[in-house]
């Protein structure tokens, strides 16, 4: 289950931000998860719940995962489209296609509690 190592890496990065911002705790985390990222949402949530229990800064943190669809992009005209099994561009009909997005795993939003 590689989601555990992903959660640990994410939380380690967040802990560095917490120290820099002098925050007391993490209120919420929003993570963008690409369709092709290989991340199982249920396993990621489970790993985060386990991590929270052992790390006080995250104990009351809510985690929200935003699914990012995979897109294709035409290298000829720049059109982006979602039809992953389509071999040609819906606009120009060329077959010069690449994937664009869908492999993300990134912190999109972080809400911290900072008291004076």
N, C-alpha and C. Protein backbone atom coordinates (compact mmCIF):
# COMPACT_ATOMS: atom_id res chain seq x y z
N UNK A 1 0.86 -1.17 0.00
CA UNK A 1 0.00 0.00 0.00
C UNK A 1 0.90 1.24 0.00
N UNK A 2 1.16 1.78 -1.17
CA UNK A 2 2.04 2.95 -1.27
C UNK A 2 1.36 4.24 -0.81
N UNK A 3 0.07 4.20 -0.58
CA UNK A 3 -0.64 5.38 -0.08
C UNK A 3 -0.10 5.83 1.28
N UNK A 4 0.34 4.86 2.09
CA UNK A 4 0.89 5.21 3.40
C UNK A 4 2.13 6.10 3.24
N UNK A 5 3.02 5.72 2.34
CA UNK A 5 4.22 6.55 2.14
C UNK A 5 3.87 7.90 1.54
N UNK A 6 2.83 7.95 0.71
CA UNK A 6 2.38 9.23 0.15
C UNK A 6 1.83 10.15 1.24
N UNK A 7 1.05 9.58 2.15
CA UNK A 7 0.49 10.36 3.26
C UNK A 7 1.61 10.87 4.16
N UNK A 8 2.58 10.02 4.46
CA UNK A 8 3.70 10.44 5.31
C UNK A 8 4.46 11.59 4.64
N UNK A 9 4.73 11.46 3.34
CA UNK A 9 5.45 12.51 2.62
C UNK A 9 4.66 13.82 2.61
N UNK A 10 3.35 13.71 2.37
CA UNK A 10 2.49 14.90 2.35
C UNK A 10 2.50 15.58 3.72
N UNK A 11 2.31 14.81 4.77
CA UNK A 11 2.23 15.39 6.11
C UNK A 11 3.57 15.95 6.57
N UNK A 12 4.66 15.34 6.14
CA UNK A 12 5.99 15.89 6.45
C UNK A 12 6.16 17.26 5.80
N UNK A 13 5.71 17.37 4.57
CA UNK A 13 5.77 18.65 3.86
C UNK A 13 4.90 19.69 4.57
N UNK A 14 3.72 19.28 5.00
CA UNK A 14 2.81 20.19 5.70
C UNK A 14 3.40 20.61 7.04
N UNK A 15 4.05 19.69 7.74
CA UNK A 15 4.67 20.03 9.03
C UNK A 15 5.73 21.13 8.86
N UNK A 16 6.46 21.09 7.75
CA UNK A 16 7.43 22.16 7.47
C UNK A 16 6.72 23.49 7.27
N UNK A 17 5.58 23.47 6.59
CA UNK A 17 4.80 24.70 6.39
C UNK A 17 4.27 25.22 7.72
N UNK A 18 3.84 24.30 8.58
CA UNK A 18 3.31 24.67 9.89
C UNK A 18 4.37 25.42 10.70
N UNK A 19 5.59 24.88 10.70
CA UNK A 19 6.68 25.55 11.44
C UNK A 19 6.96 26.93 10.86
N UNK A 20 6.96 27.03 9.54
CA UNK A 20 7.23 28.32 8.90
C UNK A 20 6.14 29.35 9.20
N UNK A 21 4.89 28.90 9.29
CA UNK A 21 3.77 29.80 9.55
C UNK A 21 3.47 29.96 11.04
N UNK A 22 4.17 29.19 11.87
CA UNK A 22 3.94 29.19 13.32
C UNK A 22 2.48 28.86 13.65
N UNK A 23 1.96 27.87 12.96
CA UNK A 23 0.56 27.44 13.16
C UNK A 23 0.49 26.43 14.30
N UNK A 24 -0.70 26.35 14.91
CA UNK A 24 -0.91 25.42 16.01
C UNK A 24 -1.41 24.05 15.52
N UNK A 25 -2.20 24.07 14.46
CA UNK A 25 -2.70 22.79 13.95
C UNK A 25 -3.21 22.97 12.52
N UNK A 26 -3.48 21.84 11.90
CA UNK A 26 -4.01 21.80 10.54
C UNK A 26 -5.51 21.58 10.64
N UNK A 27 -6.29 22.51 10.11
CA UNK A 27 -7.75 22.40 10.15
C UNK A 27 -8.24 21.49 9.02
N UNK A 28 -7.78 21.74 7.80
CA UNK A 28 -8.21 20.92 6.67
C UNK A 28 -7.15 20.88 5.58
N UNK A 29 -7.19 19.79 4.83
CA UNK A 29 -6.29 19.60 3.69
C UNK A 29 -7.15 19.17 2.51
N UNK A 30 -6.96 19.84 1.37
CA UNK A 30 -7.60 19.42 0.13
C UNK A 30 -6.50 18.96 -0.81
N UNK A 31 -6.64 17.74 -1.30
CA UNK A 31 -5.63 17.14 -2.17
C UNK A 31 -6.26 16.83 -3.52
N UNK A 32 -5.59 17.26 -4.58
CA UNK A 32 -6.03 16.94 -5.95
C UNK A 32 -5.38 15.61 -6.35
N UNK A 33 -6.23 14.64 -6.72
CA UNK A 33 -5.76 13.30 -7.07
C UNK A 33 -6.16 13.01 -8.51
N UNK A 34 -5.17 12.85 -9.37
CA UNK A 34 -5.43 12.58 -10.77
C UNK A 34 -5.94 11.17 -11.01
N UNK A 35 -6.77 11.04 -12.01
CA UNK A 35 -7.36 9.76 -12.38
C UNK A 35 -6.28 8.70 -12.67
N UNK A 36 -5.15 9.12 -13.24
CA UNK A 36 -4.06 8.20 -13.57
C UNK A 36 -2.92 8.23 -12.55
N UNK A 37 -3.15 8.80 -11.37
CA UNK A 37 -2.08 8.91 -10.37
C UNK A 37 -1.75 7.57 -9.72
N UNK A 38 -2.65 6.63 -9.81
CA UNK A 38 -2.44 5.33 -9.17
C UNK A 38 -2.80 5.32 -7.70
N UNK A 39 -3.38 6.41 -7.21
CA UNK A 39 -3.74 6.51 -5.80
C UNK A 39 -5.16 5.98 -5.60
N UNK A 40 -5.28 5.02 -4.69
CA UNK A 40 -6.58 4.50 -4.29
C UNK A 40 -7.12 5.42 -3.20
N UNK A 41 -8.24 6.08 -3.47
CA UNK A 41 -8.78 7.06 -2.52
C UNK A 41 -9.07 6.45 -1.16
N UNK A 42 -9.67 5.27 -1.14
CA UNK A 42 -10.02 4.62 0.12
C UNK A 42 -8.76 4.31 0.94
N UNK A 43 -7.73 3.82 0.29
CA UNK A 43 -6.47 3.51 0.98
C UNK A 43 -5.78 4.78 1.46
N UNK A 44 -5.85 5.85 0.68
CA UNK A 44 -5.26 7.13 1.07
C UNK A 44 -5.97 7.68 2.30
N UNK A 45 -7.29 7.64 2.29
CA UNK A 45 -8.08 8.10 3.45
C UNK A 45 -7.75 7.27 4.69
N UNK A 46 -7.66 5.95 4.52
CA UNK A 46 -7.35 5.07 5.64
C UNK A 46 -5.96 5.39 6.21
N UNK A 47 -4.98 5.54 5.33
CA UNK A 47 -3.62 5.85 5.77
C UNK A 47 -3.58 7.18 6.52
N UNK A 48 -4.36 8.15 6.05
CA UNK A 48 -4.40 9.45 6.73
C UNK A 48 -5.04 9.32 8.11
N UNK A 49 -6.11 8.54 8.22
CA UNK A 49 -6.77 8.34 9.52
C UNK A 49 -5.81 7.71 10.52
N UNK A 50 -5.00 6.76 10.08
CA UNK A 50 -4.01 6.13 10.96
C UNK A 50 -2.96 7.16 11.37
N UNK A 51 -2.48 7.94 10.40
CA UNK A 51 -1.46 8.96 10.66
C UNK A 51 -1.96 9.98 11.68
N UNK A 52 -3.22 10.41 11.54
CA UNK A 52 -3.81 11.41 12.44
C UNK A 52 -3.73 10.99 13.90
N UNK A 53 -3.98 9.72 14.15
CA UNK A 53 -4.02 9.23 15.52
C UNK A 53 -2.68 9.36 16.23
N UNK A 54 -1.60 9.34 15.46
CA UNK A 54 -0.27 9.36 16.05
C UNK A 54 0.40 10.74 15.99
N UNK A 55 -0.26 11.71 15.36
CA UNK A 55 0.35 13.03 15.19
C UNK A 55 -0.64 14.12 15.60
N UNK A 56 -0.43 14.72 16.77
CA UNK A 56 -1.38 15.69 17.33
C UNK A 56 -1.73 16.86 16.42
N UNK A 57 -0.80 17.33 15.60
CA UNK A 57 -1.10 18.46 14.71
C UNK A 57 -2.21 18.14 13.71
N UNK A 58 -2.42 16.86 13.44
CA UNK A 58 -3.40 16.44 12.43
C UNK A 58 -4.64 15.77 13.04
N UNK A 59 -4.67 15.66 14.36
CA UNK A 59 -5.72 14.87 15.01
C UNK A 59 -7.14 15.29 14.62
N UNK A 60 -7.38 16.58 14.46
CA UNK A 60 -8.73 17.07 14.13
C UNK A 60 -8.85 17.52 12.68
N UNK A 61 -7.89 17.18 11.87
CA UNK A 61 -7.85 17.62 10.47
C UNK A 61 -8.84 16.85 9.61
N UNK A 62 -9.53 17.59 8.75
CA UNK A 62 -10.38 16.93 7.76
C UNK A 62 -9.62 16.88 6.43
N UNK A 63 -9.78 15.77 5.74
CA UNK A 63 -9.11 15.56 4.46
C UNK A 63 -10.17 15.47 3.37
N UNK A 64 -9.96 16.25 2.33
CA UNK A 64 -10.87 16.21 1.18
C UNK A 64 -10.04 15.88 -0.06
N UNK A 65 -10.48 14.88 -0.81
CA UNK A 65 -9.80 14.51 -2.04
C UNK A 65 -10.63 14.98 -3.22
N UNK A 66 -10.00 15.71 -4.13
CA UNK A 66 -10.66 16.17 -5.35
C UNK A 66 -10.11 15.34 -6.51
N UNK A 67 -10.99 14.61 -7.17
CA UNK A 67 -10.58 13.78 -8.31
C UNK A 67 -10.38 14.66 -9.54
N UNK A 68 -9.24 14.50 -10.20
CA UNK A 68 -8.92 15.26 -11.41
C UNK A 68 -8.98 14.29 -12.59
N UNK A 69 -9.85 14.55 -13.56
CA UNK A 69 -9.96 13.63 -14.69
C UNK A 69 -8.73 13.70 -15.59
N UNK A 70 -8.44 12.60 -16.23
CA UNK A 70 -7.37 12.58 -17.23
C UNK A 70 -7.92 13.21 -18.50
N UNK A 71 -7.08 13.96 -19.17
CA UNK A 71 -7.46 14.60 -20.42
C UNK A 71 -6.49 14.20 -21.51
N UNK A 72 -6.95 14.32 -22.74
CA UNK A 72 -6.07 14.19 -23.89
C UNK A 72 -5.93 15.57 -24.51
N UNK A 73 -4.78 15.79 -25.15
CA UNK A 73 -4.54 17.07 -25.80
C UNK A 73 -4.01 16.83 -27.21
N UNK A 74 -4.58 17.55 -28.15
CA UNK A 74 -4.14 17.47 -29.54
C UNK A 74 -2.88 18.31 -29.71
N UNK A 75 -1.84 17.69 -30.22
CA UNK A 75 -0.58 18.41 -30.45
C UNK A 75 -0.66 19.30 -31.67
N UNK A 76 -1.66 19.09 -32.52
CA UNK A 76 -1.83 19.89 -33.73
C UNK A 76 -2.55 21.21 -33.44
N UNK A 77 -3.72 21.13 -32.79
CA UNK A 77 -4.53 22.35 -32.60
C UNK A 77 -4.66 22.78 -31.13
N UNK A 78 -4.20 21.94 -30.19
CA UNK A 78 -4.26 22.30 -28.77
C UNK A 78 -5.56 21.95 -28.07
N UNK A 79 -6.51 21.37 -28.76
CA UNK A 79 -7.80 20.98 -28.16
C UNK A 79 -7.58 19.97 -27.04
N UNK A 80 -8.24 20.20 -25.89
CA UNK A 80 -8.23 19.22 -24.80
C UNK A 80 -9.60 18.56 -24.74
N UNK A 81 -9.60 17.24 -24.50
CA UNK A 81 -10.87 16.52 -24.44
C UNK A 81 -10.74 15.31 -23.52
N UNK A 82 -11.89 14.82 -23.04
CA UNK A 82 -11.93 13.75 -22.04
C UNK A 82 -12.07 12.35 -22.62
N UNK A 83 -12.42 12.23 -23.86
CA UNK A 83 -12.66 10.92 -24.45
C UNK A 83 -11.34 10.16 -24.55
N UNK A 84 -11.02 9.38 -23.51
CA UNK A 84 -9.71 8.76 -23.41
C UNK A 84 -9.47 7.68 -24.46
N UNK A 85 -10.53 7.09 -25.00
CA UNK A 85 -10.36 6.02 -25.98
C UNK A 85 -10.46 6.53 -27.41
N UNK A 86 -10.66 7.82 -27.57
CA UNK A 86 -10.74 8.42 -28.89
C UNK A 86 -9.32 8.59 -29.43
N UNK A 87 -9.09 8.16 -30.66
CA UNK A 87 -7.74 8.19 -31.23
C UNK A 87 -7.43 9.46 -32.00
N UNK A 88 -8.45 10.23 -32.35
CA UNK A 88 -8.21 11.46 -33.11
C UNK A 88 -8.88 12.64 -32.42
N UNK A 89 -8.39 13.82 -32.73
CA UNK A 89 -8.91 15.05 -32.14
C UNK A 89 -10.33 15.32 -32.64
N UNK A 90 -11.26 15.64 -31.74
CA UNK A 90 -12.63 15.94 -32.17
C UNK A 90 -12.73 17.24 -32.98
N UNK A 91 -11.74 18.13 -32.85
CA UNK A 91 -11.78 19.39 -33.59
C UNK A 91 -11.13 19.26 -34.97
N UNK A 92 -9.88 18.80 -35.03
CA UNK A 92 -9.15 18.80 -36.31
C UNK A 92 -8.99 17.41 -36.93
N UNK A 93 -9.39 16.38 -36.20
CA UNK A 93 -9.35 14.98 -36.65
C UNK A 93 -7.94 14.40 -36.78
N UNK A 94 -6.92 15.11 -36.35
CA UNK A 94 -5.55 14.59 -36.40
C UNK A 94 -5.35 13.57 -35.28
N UNK A 95 -4.41 12.67 -35.46
CA UNK A 95 -4.12 11.64 -34.46
C UNK A 95 -2.86 11.95 -33.66
N UNK A 96 -2.47 13.20 -33.62
CA UNK A 96 -1.30 13.62 -32.85
C UNK A 96 -1.77 14.00 -31.44
N UNK A 97 -1.95 12.97 -30.61
CA UNK A 97 -2.58 13.13 -29.30
C UNK A 97 -1.60 12.74 -28.19
N UNK A 98 -1.68 13.47 -27.09
CA UNK A 98 -0.92 13.12 -25.89
C UNK A 98 -1.86 13.26 -24.69
N UNK A 99 -1.46 12.71 -23.56
CA UNK A 99 -2.25 12.89 -22.34
C UNK A 99 -1.87 14.21 -21.70
N UNK A 100 -2.86 14.85 -21.10
CA UNK A 100 -2.66 16.14 -20.45
C UNK A 100 -3.38 16.12 -19.11
N UNK A 101 -2.64 15.96 -18.04
CA UNK A 101 -3.26 15.92 -16.72
C UNK A 101 -3.76 14.54 -16.36
N UNK A 102 -4.24 14.45 -15.14
CA UNK A 102 -4.76 13.18 -14.65
C UNK A 102 -3.75 12.40 -13.83
N UNK A 103 -2.51 12.89 -13.76
CA UNK A 103 -1.50 12.19 -12.96
C UNK A 103 -1.11 12.99 -11.71
N UNK A 104 -1.91 14.00 -11.39
CA UNK A 104 -1.62 14.88 -10.26
C UNK A 104 -1.77 14.18 -8.91
N UNK A 105 -0.96 14.60 -7.98
CA UNK A 105 -1.15 14.32 -6.56
C UNK A 105 -0.52 15.52 -5.87
N UNK A 106 -1.37 16.48 -5.51
CA UNK A 106 -0.84 17.74 -4.98
C UNK A 106 -1.78 18.33 -3.94
N UNK A 107 -1.18 19.06 -3.03
CA UNK A 107 -1.97 19.77 -2.03
C UNK A 107 -2.57 20.99 -2.72
N UNK A 108 -3.89 21.03 -2.79
CA UNK A 108 -4.58 22.14 -3.46
C UNK A 108 -4.91 23.26 -2.48
N UNK A 109 -5.23 22.88 -1.24
CA UNK A 109 -5.62 23.88 -0.25
C UNK A 109 -5.24 23.36 1.13
N UNK A 110 -4.76 24.27 1.95
CA UNK A 110 -4.35 23.92 3.30
C UNK A 110 -4.87 25.00 4.23
N UNK A 111 -5.65 24.60 5.21
CA UNK A 111 -6.18 25.55 6.19
C UNK A 111 -5.50 25.29 7.53
N UNK A 112 -4.81 26.30 8.03
CA UNK A 112 -4.08 26.19 9.29
C UNK A 112 -4.70 27.09 10.35
N UNK A 113 -4.54 26.70 11.60
CA UNK A 113 -4.96 27.54 12.71
C UNK A 113 -3.71 28.26 13.23
N UNK A 114 -3.72 29.57 13.10
CA UNK A 114 -2.60 30.39 13.57
C UNK A 114 -3.15 31.37 14.60
N UNK A 115 -2.67 31.24 15.83
CA UNK A 115 -3.11 32.14 16.90
C UNK A 115 -1.98 33.11 17.22
N UNK A 116 -2.36 34.33 17.56
CA UNK A 116 -1.35 35.34 17.92
C UNK A 116 -0.78 35.11 19.29
